[in-house]
């Protein structure tokens, strides 16, 4: 049986027109999406995503057929981890 997790790692600012609104984030939370706010330190979001990918890699090493990762990003910094 598959374990499905939806994780969104991002800083959210409802005053930024490019960020999802509070209503959208609340609807996603209701649908089971886990939101992780990495904090405001420069590069914190990249560190959080890379840490999550390393955790997934550990599971993959023990049982490759149980892992499927979809990473949506406009940043190529994660290519080595994928």
C-alpha atoms as a PDB file:
ATOM      1  CA  UNK A   1       0.000   0.000   0.000  1.00  0.00           C
ATOM      2  CA  UNK A   2       1.344   3.420  -0.950  1.00  0.00           C
ATOM      3  CA  UNK A   3       1.867   6.119   1.616  1.00  0.00           C
ATOM      4  CA  UNK A   4       1.194   9.449  -0.030  1.00  0.00           C
ATOM      5  CA  UNK A   5       2.462  12.709   1.398  1.00  0.00           C
ATOM      6  CA  UNK A   6       2.027  16.169  -0.019  1.00  0.00           C
ATOM      7  CA  UNK A   7       4.501  18.670   1.374  1.00  0.00           C
ATOM      8  CA  UNK A   8       4.856  22.331   0.482  1.00  0.00           C
ATOM      9  CA  UNK A   9       8.039  24.006   1.706  1.00  0.00           C
ATOM     10  CA  UNK A  10       7.738  27.748   1.295  1.00  0.00           C
ATOM     11  CA  UNK A  11       7.427  31.037   3.068  1.00  0.00           C
ATOM     12  CA  UNK A  12       3.967  32.489   2.606  1.00  0.00           C
ATOM     13  CA  UNK A  13       3.150  36.146   2.539  1.00  0.00           C
ATOM     14  CA  UNK A  14      -0.544  36.782   1.955  1.00  0.00           C
ATOM     15  CA  UNK A  15       0.320  40.359   0.935  1.00  0.00           C
ATOM     16  CA  UNK A  16       2.409  39.085  -1.993  1.00  0.00           C
ATOM     17  CA  UNK A  17       0.233  38.636  -5.091  1.00  0.00           C
ATOM     18  CA  UNK A  18       2.391  35.693  -6.241  1.00  0.00           C
ATOM     19  CA  UNK A  19       1.813  33.699  -3.049  1.00  0.00           C
ATOM     20  CA  UNK A  20      -1.321  31.637  -2.476  1.00  0.00           C
ATOM     21  CA  UNK A  21      -4.056  33.315  -0.479  1.00  0.00           C
ATOM     22  CA  UNK A  22      -4.997  32.209   3.029  1.00  0.00           C
ATOM     23  CA  UNK A  23      -8.133  30.597   1.576  1.00  0.00           C
ATOM     24  CA  UNK A  24      -6.065  28.536  -0.883  1.00  0.00           C
ATOM     25  CA  UNK A  25      -3.548  27.417   1.729  1.00  0.00           C
ATOM     26  CA  UNK A  26      -6.364  26.500   4.117  1.00  0.00           C
ATOM     27  CA  UNK A  27      -8.097  24.456   1.393  1.00  0.00           C
ATOM     28  CA  UNK A  28      -4.828  22.637   0.687  1.00  0.00           C
ATOM     29  CA  UNK A  29      -4.322  21.951   4.409  1.00  0.00           C
ATOM     30  CA  UNK A  30      -7.839  20.528   4.556  1.00  0.00           C
ATOM     31  CA  UNK A  31      -6.905  18.271   1.607  1.00  0.00           C
ATOM     32  CA  UNK A  32      -3.916  16.961   3.574  1.00  0.00           C
ATOM     33  CA  UNK A  33      -1.030  19.107   2.341  1.00  0.00           C
ATOM     34  CA  UNK A  34       1.616  19.698   4.989  1.00  0.00           C
ATOM     35  CA  UNK A  35       3.014  23.214   4.863  1.00  0.00           C
ATOM     36  CA  UNK A  36       6.544  23.750   6.162  1.00  0.00           C
ATOM     37  CA  UNK A  37       7.722  27.305   6.724  1.00  0.00           C
ATOM     38  CA  UNK A  38      11.537  27.167   6.673  1.00  0.00           C
ATOM     39  CA  UNK A  39      11.937  30.586   8.262  1.00  0.00           C
ATOM     40  CA  UNK A  40      13.380  33.796   6.944  1.00  0.00           C
ATOM     41  CA  UNK A  41      17.102  33.021   6.954  1.00  0.00           C
ATOM     42  CA  UNK A  42      18.582  33.305   3.462  1.00  0.00           C
ATOM     43  CA  UNK A  43      18.622  29.878   1.791  1.00  0.00           C
ATOM     44  CA  UNK A  44      16.465  28.260   4.484  1.00  0.00           C
ATOM     45  CA  UNK A  45      13.932  27.022   1.946  1.00  0.00           C
ATOM     46  CA  UNK A  46      16.652  25.318  -0.125  1.00  0.00           C
ATOM     47  CA  UNK A  47      18.075  23.677   3.013  1.00  0.00           C
ATOM     48  CA  UNK A  48      14.615  22.393   4.045  1.00  0.00           C
ATOM     49  CA  UNK A  49      13.930  20.944   0.581  1.00  0.00           C
ATOM     50  CA  UNK A  50      17.347  19.282   0.387  1.00  0.00           C
ATOM     51  CA  UNK A  51      16.864  17.809   3.874  1.00  0.00           C
ATOM     52  CA  UNK A  52      13.478  16.401   2.862  1.00  0.00           C
ATOM     53  CA  UNK A  53      14.990  14.907  -0.313  1.00  0.00           C
ATOM     54  CA  UNK A  54      17.755  13.257   1.734  1.00  0.00           C
ATOM     55  CA  UNK A  55      15.125  11.654   3.992  1.00  0.00           C
ATOM     56  CA  UNK A  56      13.289  10.353   0.934  1.00  0.00           C
ATOM     57  CA  UNK A  57      16.605   9.029  -0.439  1.00  0.00           C
ATOM     58  CA  UNK A  58      17.096   7.001   2.741  1.00  0.00           C
ATOM     59  CA  UNK A  59      13.704   5.343   2.236  1.00  0.00           C
ATOM     60  CA  UNK A  60      14.521   4.796  -1.444  1.00  0.00           C
ATOM     61  CA  UNK A  61      17.762   3.002  -0.588  1.00  0.00           C
ATOM     62  CA  UNK A  62      15.925   0.551   1.667  1.00  0.00           C
ATOM     63  CA  UNK A  63      12.996  -0.072  -0.685  1.00  0.00           C
ATOM     64  CA  UNK A  64      13.175   1.639  -4.116  1.00  0.00           C
ATOM     65  CA  UNK A  65       9.761   0.459  -5.252  1.00  0.00           C
ATOM     66  CA  UNK A  66       8.071   2.436  -2.461  1.00  0.00           C
ATOM     67  CA  UNK A  67       9.252   5.890  -3.512  1.00  0.00           C
ATOM     68  CA  UNK A  68       8.068   8.334  -6.128  1.00  0.00           C
ATOM     69  CA  UNK A  69       9.038  11.989  -5.757  1.00  0.00           C
ATOM     70  CA  UNK A  70       7.587  14.923  -7.633  1.00  0.00           C
ATOM     71  CA  UNK A  71       9.476  18.140  -7.013  1.00  0.00           C
ATOM     72  CA  UNK A  72       8.034  21.335  -8.411  1.00  0.00           C
ATOM     73  CA  UNK A  73      10.502  24.195  -8.336  1.00  0.00           C
ATOM     74  CA  UNK A  74      11.815  26.976 -10.501  1.00  0.00           C
ATOM     75  CA  UNK A  75      15.274  26.360  -9.061  1.00  0.00           C
ATOM     76  CA  UNK A  76      17.937  24.007 -10.418  1.00  0.00           C
ATOM     77  CA  UNK A  77      19.740  23.780  -7.052  1.00  0.00           C
ATOM     78  CA  UNK A  78      18.077  20.428  -6.359  1.00  0.00           C
ATOM     79  CA  UNK A  79      19.375  18.522  -9.409  1.00  0.00           C
ATOM     80  CA  UNK A  80      22.153  16.713  -7.447  1.00  0.00           C
ATOM     81  CA  UNK A  81      19.652  15.473  -4.845  1.00  0.00           C
ATOM     82  CA  UNK A  82      17.188  14.233  -7.439  1.00  0.00           C
END
